[in-house]
Amino acid sequence: MSNLVEQQREKAKQLKKTICLAEAVLDPRTMKAARMFMDEGLGTPLIVGSPIALTESATKAGVDMNGMKVIDPAHFDRMDDMIAAYQTRRAKDNLSKDEVNKLLQDPLWFGAMLVSMGIADGMTAGALNTTANVIRASIKCIGPRKGLKTVSSCFLMVVPDCPYGQDGAMIYSDCGVIPAPTLEQLVDIGEAAAQSCKHLIGVEPIIAYLSFSTKGSADHPDAKKMAEAANLLAARRPDLKVDGELQGDAALIQSIGERKCPGSPVAGKANTLIFPDLGAGNIAYKLTERLTGGLAFGPLLQGLALPVNDLSRGCTSEDIVHVAAITALQTQ
């Protein structure tokens, strides 16, 4: 376990947040993770489902549910309030009370509404559900953060014995949600990734908009788009260190950054990397993870008003525990 991971867990212990693990009723890995999350003192796991079904899941996982917070959607005493809150949020959908009630029997949607209502501080899901399902429930029940229109994702990369980023820790975004981001979406992605850097790495974000070109070395619309996105984010958030377009080496390696773009506040020092599209981002994070033996946590959702995080469907219980701890950090 890396020093950064240990630091994140210590912070989660101090925050003592309630994190909904919405898939425990059908997934023994999630049930085991709920027990581990509680036993490590990382916060309070909130699991969703009928007591009978949850007991069966706990038995399969070989864990004791004692002390866990349990809510059964079928017997939730605030279901009328939840239905009304959803109808207000999604008035344009024009759903009846019965239609909303049926929707909210799904633990994923119910869990997202628990977060929306402040009953849980955040949610971690995706061991069984696709990323698309997790995002859909999150957008409809919670919605984007004020000032942003885009819900995107990032990966927290932790590369051993690496001098780049913050001692090998970096944010890669967007690597999991938006295939071909528009200019406006790229600006939102950069702003959301800056917050991810603050919460997850605990340092000032230094944001590089990446391209195959550095500062006009290639005259191409794709490179100009990244430069414009960087300029728009810098204008929107003058408190942030942001620059682009930069090639990967110019963003990370100080000697190259100084040579290619002297005076840049970012070149050679970046810890938050914004990719031009999902192809570039997804390829980069997987190659980084496999070629370096590094850790890749994500896709972590960003840009939501309240924290929800996605999981790989191949995740382990330990993966779920740490993403739940990260979710707690995002409540700050």
Protein backbone atom coordinates (compact mmCIF):
# COMPACT_ATOMS: atom_id res chain seq x y z
CA MET A 1 0.00 0.00 0.00
CA SER A 2 1.47 3.36 -1.06
CA ASN A 3 2.02 6.24 1.34
CA LEU A 4 -0.68 8.25 -0.45
CA VAL A 5 -3.23 5.44 -0.04
CA GLU A 6 -2.38 5.23 3.67
CA GLN A 7 -2.75 9.01 4.01
CA GLN A 8 -6.13 8.91 2.29
CA ARG A 9 -7.38 6.23 4.66
CA GLU A 10 -6.22 8.20 7.67
CA LYS A 11 -8.13 11.25 6.42
CA ALA A 12 -11.23 9.13 5.86
CA LYS A 13 -11.01 7.91 9.46
CA GLN A 14 -11.01 11.52 10.66
CA LEU A 15 -14.00 12.49 8.50
CA LYS A 16 -16.21 9.59 9.74
CA LYS A 17 -18.59 9.77 6.77
CA THR A 18 -21.53 7.50 5.93
CA ILE A 19 -20.97 5.89 2.53
CA CYS A 20 -23.73 3.95 0.78
CA LEU A 21 -22.58 0.63 -0.69
CA ALA A 22 -25.66 0.06 -2.81
CA GLU A 23 -24.83 -3.37 -4.25
CA ALA A 24 -24.26 -5.37 -1.06
CA VAL A 25 -27.56 -7.20 -1.40
CA LEU A 26 -26.43 -9.00 -4.57
CA ASP A 27 -22.66 -8.84 -4.37
CA PRO A 28 -20.73 -10.65 -1.60
CA ARG A 29 -17.60 -8.62 -2.49
CA THR A 30 -19.45 -5.44 -1.59
CA MET A 31 -20.81 -6.97 1.62
CA LYS A 32 -17.28 -8.01 2.62
CA ALA A 33 -16.05 -4.50 1.76
CA ALA A 34 -18.73 -2.98 4.01
CA ARG A 35 -17.40 -5.06 6.92
CA MET A 36 -13.80 -4.11 6.14
CA PHE A 37 -14.71 -0.42 5.80
CA MET A 38 -16.33 -0.48 9.22
CA ASP A 39 -13.68 -2.60 10.94
CA GLU A 40 -10.90 -0.28 9.72
CA GLY A 41 -12.77 2.72 11.14
CA LEU A 42 -12.99 4.42 7.73
CA GLY A 43 -16.59 5.48 8.31
CA THR A 44 -20.07 3.98 8.45
CA PRO A 45 -21.18 1.70 5.61
CA LEU A 46 -24.85 2.06 4.65
CA ILE A 47 -26.16 -1.03 2.83
CA VAL A 48 -29.43 -1.20 0.94
CA GLY A 49 -31.93 -4.07 0.66
CA SER A 50 -34.27 -6.34 2.57
CA PRO A 51 -32.87 -7.80 5.79
CA ILE A 52 -33.43 -11.34 4.51
CA ALA A 53 -31.57 -10.75 1.23
CA LEU A 54 -28.77 -8.87 2.98
CA THR A 55 -28.37 -11.68 5.53
CA GLU A 56 -28.04 -14.18 2.67
CA SER A 57 -25.37 -11.99 1.04
CA ALA A 58 -23.53 -11.66 4.36
CA THR A 59 -23.59 -15.42 4.82
CA LYS A 60 -22.09 -15.94 1.34
CA ALA A 61 -19.42 -13.34 2.13
CA GLY A 62 -18.73 -14.88 5.53
CA VAL A 63 -19.20 -11.61 7.39
CA ASP A 64 -21.21 -10.31 10.33
CA MET A 65 -23.58 -7.39 9.61
CA ASN A 66 -23.52 -6.22 13.23
CA GLY A 67 -23.21 -2.43 13.47
CA MET A 68 -23.84 -1.74 9.79
CA LYS A 69 -26.51 0.77 8.85
CA VAL A 70 -29.27 -0.94 6.84
CA ILE A 71 -32.17 0.62 4.92
CA ASP A 72 -34.81 -1.42 3.11
CA PRO A 73 -36.39 0.50 0.21
CA ALA A 74 -39.59 -1.50 0.60
CA HIS A 75 -40.05 -0.27 4.19
CA PHE A 76 -38.33 3.12 4.16
CA ASP A 77 -40.26 5.52 6.41
CA ARG A 78 -39.31 8.53 4.27
CA MET A 79 -40.19 7.02 0.90
CA ASP A 80 -42.95 9.57 0.27
CA ASP A 81 -40.45 12.38 0.85
CA MET A 82 -37.95 10.68 -1.44
CA ILE A 83 -40.50 10.23 -4.21
CA ALA A 84 -41.56 13.86 -3.93
CA ALA A 85 -37.93 15.01 -4.00
CA TYR A 86 -37.27 12.98 -7.14
CA GLN A 87 -40.41 14.28 -8.83
CA THR A 88 -39.32 17.84 -8.07
CA ARG A 89 -35.80 17.22 -9.40
CA ARG A 90 -37.05 15.51 -12.55
CA ALA A 91 -40.31 17.38 -13.14
CA LYS A 92 -39.71 17.30 -16.91
CA ASP A 93 -39.91 13.49 -16.84
CA ASN A 94 -43.50 13.75 -15.60
CA LEU A 95 -43.42 10.43 -13.73
CA SER A 96 -46.26 9.32 -11.47
CA LYS A 97 -45.72 8.45 -7.82
CA ASP A 98 -46.01 4.74 -8.63
CA GLU A 99 -43.50 5.03 -11.47
CA VAL A 100 -40.97 6.78 -9.24
CA ASN A 101 -41.56 4.27 -6.44
CA LYS A 102 -40.83 1.41 -8.84
CA LEU A 103 -37.66 3.15 -10.05
CA LEU A 104 -36.44 3.71 -6.49
CA GLN A 105 -36.75 0.04 -5.57
CA ASP A 106 -33.51 -0.36 -7.53
CA PRO A 107 -30.76 -0.12 -4.87
CA LEU A 108 -28.59 2.00 -7.19
CA TRP A 109 -31.24 4.70 -7.66
CA PHE A 110 -32.36 4.45 -4.04
CA GLY A 111 -28.76 4.87 -2.88
CA ALA A 112 -28.27 7.92 -5.10
CA MET A 113 -31.38 9.50 -3.59
CA LEU A 114 -30.10 8.75 -0.07
CA VAL A 115 -27.06 10.85 -1.01
CA SER A 116 -29.26 13.57 -2.54
CA MET A 117 -31.30 13.76 0.67
CA GLY A 118 -28.23 13.88 2.92
CA ILE A 119 -28.93 10.51 4.55
CA ALA A 120 -25.65 9.21 3.12
CA ASP A 121 -22.62 11.40 2.46
CA GLY A 122 -21.69 9.59 -0.73
CA MET A 123 -22.12 6.34 -2.67
CA THR A 124 -19.81 3.76 -4.21
CA ALA A 125 -21.22 1.37 -6.81
CA GLY A 126 -20.38 -0.33 -10.08
CA ALA A 127 -19.28 -3.80 -8.96
CA LEU A 128 -22.44 -5.08 -10.67
CA ASN A 129 -23.74 -2.06 -12.56
CA THR A 130 -22.19 -0.55 -15.67
CA THR A 131 -20.58 2.88 -15.55
CA ALA A 132 -23.49 4.13 -17.68
CA ASN A 133 -26.01 2.96 -15.07
CA VAL A 134 -24.08 4.56 -12.20
CA ILE A 135 -23.78 7.86 -14.07
CA ARG A 136 -27.43 7.85 -15.13
CA ALA A 137 -28.66 7.37 -11.56
CA SER A 138 -26.21 9.99 -10.27
CA ILE A 139 -27.16 12.65 -12.81
CA LYS A 140 -30.89 12.17 -12.36
CA CYS A 141 -30.86 11.91 -8.57
CA ILE A 142 -28.01 14.33 -7.72
CA GLY A 143 -27.01 16.33 -10.79
CA PRO A 144 -23.91 18.36 -11.69
CA ARG A 145 -22.09 20.64 -9.30
CA LYS A 146 -23.06 24.30 -9.43
CA GLY A 147 -21.24 26.07 -12.24
CA LEU A 148 -20.62 22.87 -14.22
CA LYS A 149 -22.73 21.16 -16.86
CA THR A 150 -20.50 18.15 -17.33
CA VAL A 151 -20.17 14.98 -15.26
CA SER A 152 -16.87 13.33 -16.13
CA SER A 153 -14.33 11.01 -14.55
CA CYS A 154 -10.74 10.81 -13.50
CA PHE A 155 -8.25 8.18 -12.51
CA LEU A 156 -5.96 8.67 -9.55
CA MET A 157 -2.65 7.25 -10.75
CA VAL A 158 0.02 6.33 -8.21
CA VAL A 159 3.29 5.32 -9.89
CA PRO A 160 6.07 3.89 -7.69
CA ASP A 161 9.52 5.51 -7.67
CA CYS A 162 8.36 8.22 -10.07
CA PRO A 163 9.60 11.83 -9.96
CA TYR A 164 6.68 13.24 -11.95
CA GLY A 165 3.43 14.69 -10.66
CA GLN A 166 3.36 14.72 -6.87
CA ASP A 167 5.88 11.99 -6.07
CA GLY A 168 4.29 9.80 -8.73
CA ALA A 169 0.66 10.70 -7.93
CA MET A 170 -1.32 12.26 -10.78
CA ILE A 171 -4.87 12.86 -11.94
CA TYR A 172 -5.74 11.62 -15.45
CA SER A 173 -9.00 12.96 -16.91
CA ASP A 174 -11.31 12.12 -18.64
CA CYS A 175 -10.55 8.42 -19.10
CA GLY A 176 -13.94 6.83 -18.60
CA VAL A 177 -17.03 8.85 -19.50
CA ILE A 178 -17.06 11.31 -22.43
CA PRO A 179 -15.79 9.84 -25.74
CA ALA A 180 -15.35 13.09 -27.69
CA PRO A 181 -15.62 16.12 -25.36
CA THR A 182 -16.65 19.47 -26.76
CA LEU A 183 -14.66 22.60 -26.00
CA GLU A 184 -17.07 23.50 -23.17
CA GLN A 185 -16.84 19.97 -21.76
CA LEU A 186 -13.03 20.09 -21.80
CA VAL A 187 -13.16 23.26 -19.71
CA ASP A 188 -15.55 21.62 -17.22
CA ILE A 189 -13.38 18.50 -17.12
CA GLY A 190 -10.32 20.58 -16.25
CA GLU A 191 -12.12 22.42 -13.45
CA ALA A 192 -13.52 19.20 -11.99
CA ALA A 193 -10.13 17.50 -12.24
CA ALA A 194 -8.57 20.38 -10.31
CA GLN A 195 -10.91 19.66 -7.42
CA SER A 196 -10.13 15.95 -7.68
CA CYS A 197 -6.44 16.76 -7.33
CA LYS A 198 -7.05 18.84 -4.20
CA HIS A 199 -9.23 16.21 -2.56
CA LEU A 200 -7.37 13.06 -3.57
CA ILE A 201 -3.70 14.12 -3.66
CA GLY A 202 -3.98 17.05 -1.27
CA VAL A 203 -1.89 19.49 -3.30
CA GLU A 204 -2.44 22.50 -5.53
CA PRO A 205 -3.51 21.32 -9.00
CA ILE A 206 -1.16 22.08 -11.88
CA ILE A 207 -3.23 21.38 -14.97
CA ALA A 208 -1.90 20.48 -18.41
CA TYR A 209 -4.16 20.20 -21.45
CA LEU A 210 -2.37 17.54 -23.49
CA SER A 211 -1.94 17.23 -27.23
CA PHE A 212 0.48 15.97 -29.89
CA SER A 213 1.62 19.60 -30.12
CA THR A 214 3.28 22.04 -27.73
CA LYS A 215 2.37 25.70 -28.10
CA GLY A 216 1.65 25.63 -31.80
CA SER A 217 4.38 23.22 -32.88
CA ALA A 218 1.66 21.58 -35.00
CA ASP A 219 -0.95 23.63 -36.81
CA HIS A 220 -4.03 21.45 -36.36
CA PRO A 221 -7.61 22.08 -35.11
CA ASP A 222 -7.31 19.38 -32.43
CA ALA A 223 -4.25 21.05 -30.91
CA LYS A 224 -5.84 24.49 -31.12
CA LYS A 225 -8.92 23.13 -29.32
CA MET A 226 -6.81 22.07 -26.32
CA ALA A 227 -5.06 25.45 -26.26
CA GLU A 228 -8.40 27.22 -26.32
CA ALA A 229 -9.79 25.01 -23.54
CA ALA A 230 -6.76 25.83 -21.37
CA ASN A 231 -7.21 29.56 -22.03
CA LEU A 232 -10.93 29.42 -21.21
CA LEU A 233 -10.33 27.59 -17.93
CA ALA A 234 -7.58 30.07 -16.99
CA ALA A 235 -10.04 32.93 -17.62
CA ARG A 236 -12.82 31.23 -15.66
CA ARG A 237 -10.56 30.23 -12.77
CA PRO A 238 -7.60 32.64 -12.55
CA ASP A 239 -6.67 31.02 -9.23
CA LEU A 240 -5.66 27.81 -11.04
CA LYS A 241 -2.35 27.01 -12.70
CA VAL A 242 -3.33 25.81 -16.16
CA ASP A 243 -1.65 25.72 -19.58
CA GLY A 244 -1.92 24.03 -22.95
CA GLU A 245 -1.55 22.71 -25.48
CA LEU A 246 1.36 20.63 -24.15
CA GLN A 247 2.87 17.33 -25.17
CA GLY A 248 3.21 14.76 -22.40
CA ASP A 249 6.95 15.20 -21.97
CA ALA A 250 6.67 18.99 -21.89
CA ALA A 251 3.98 18.70 -19.22
CA LEU A 252 5.95 16.38 -16.94
CA ILE A 253 9.71 16.79 -17.49
CA GLN A 254 11.12 20.07 -16.23
CA SER A 255 14.06 20.34 -18.64
CA ILE A 256 11.84 19.71 -21.66
CA GLY A 257 9.11 22.02 -20.38
CA GLU A 258 11.58 24.85 -19.86
CA ARG A 259 12.99 24.38 -23.34
CA LYS A 260 9.70 24.08 -25.21
CA CYS A 261 7.68 26.70 -23.34
CA PRO A 262 9.78 28.85 -20.98
CA GLY A 263 7.81 30.80 -18.42
CA SER A 264 4.88 28.39 -18.35
CA PRO A 265 3.40 27.91 -14.84
CA VAL A 266 2.67 24.28 -15.74
CA ALA A 267 5.26 22.86 -18.12
CA GLY A 268 7.50 20.34 -16.38
CA LYS A 269 5.43 20.47 -13.19
CA ALA A 270 1.96 19.12 -14.10
CA ASN A 271 0.10 16.81 -11.72
CA THR A 272 -3.31 16.95 -13.44
CA LEU A 273 -3.44 15.80 -17.06
CA ILE A 274 -6.42 16.56 -19.32
CA PHE A 275 -6.68 14.35 -22.40
CA PRO A 276 -8.27 15.42 -25.68
CA ASP A 277 -10.63 12.45 -25.84
CA LEU A 278 -11.56 9.16 -24.21
CA GLY A 279 -9.33 7.14 -26.51
CA ALA A 280 -6.19 9.01 -25.49
CA GLY A 281 -7.09 9.03 -21.80
CA ASN A 282 -8.10 5.38 -21.56
CA ILE A 283 -5.03 4.19 -23.47
CA ALA A 284 -2.74 6.37 -21.35
CA TYR A 285 -4.03 5.19 -17.97
CA LYS A 286 -3.93 1.51 -18.91
CA LEU A 287 -0.40 1.76 -20.32
CA THR A 288 0.77 3.72 -17.28
CA GLU A 289 -0.71 1.15 -14.92
CA ARG A 290 0.66 -1.91 -16.74
CA LEU A 291 4.07 -0.62 -17.78
CA THR A 292 4.95 0.92 -14.43
CA GLY A 293 3.25 -1.45 -11.99
CA GLY A 294 1.39 1.57 -10.68
CA LEU A 295 -2.01 1.82 -9.05
CA ALA A 296 -5.02 3.16 -10.96
CA PHE A 297 -8.07 4.12 -8.90
CA GLY A 298 -11.15 4.84 -10.97
CA PRO A 299 -13.03 5.76 -12.94
CA LEU A 300 -13.83 8.20 -10.14
CA LEU A 301 -16.76 10.43 -11.03
CA GLN A 302 -16.27 14.18 -10.83
CA GLY A 303 -18.42 17.21 -11.46
CA LEU A 304 -21.38 15.94 -9.40
CA ALA A 305 -22.94 18.08 -6.69
CA LEU A 306 -22.36 15.23 -4.21
CA PRO A 307 -19.86 12.36 -4.39
CA VAL A 308 -20.63 9.09 -6.16
CA ASN A 309 -17.92 6.80 -7.47
CA ASP A 310 -17.89 4.01 -9.99
CA LEU A 311 -16.10 0.66 -9.72
CA SER A 312 -14.73 -1.80 -12.21
CA ARG A 313 -16.93 -4.88 -12.38
CA GLY A 314 -13.77 -6.90 -11.86
CA CYS A 315 -13.02 -5.13 -8.58
CA THR A 316 -11.98 -6.84 -5.36
CA SER A 317 -13.37 -6.11 -1.92
CA GLU A 318 -10.18 -4.18 -1.15
CA ASP A 319 -10.75 -2.03 -4.25
CA ILE A 320 -14.26 -1.22 -3.05
CA VAL A 321 -12.98 -0.28 0.40
CA HIS A 322 -10.46 2.19 -0.96
CA VAL A 323 -12.84 3.77 -3.47
CA ALA A 324 -15.34 4.17 -0.60
CA ALA A 325 -12.57 5.93 1.38
CA ILE A 326 -11.91 8.19 -1.62
CA THR A 327 -15.64 8.94 -1.77
CA ALA A 328 -15.43 10.09 1.84
CA LEU A 329 -12.57 12.46 0.93
CA GLN A 330 -14.67 13.98 -1.86
CA THR A 331 -17.24 15.17 0.69
CA GLN A 332 -14.80 17.87 1.87
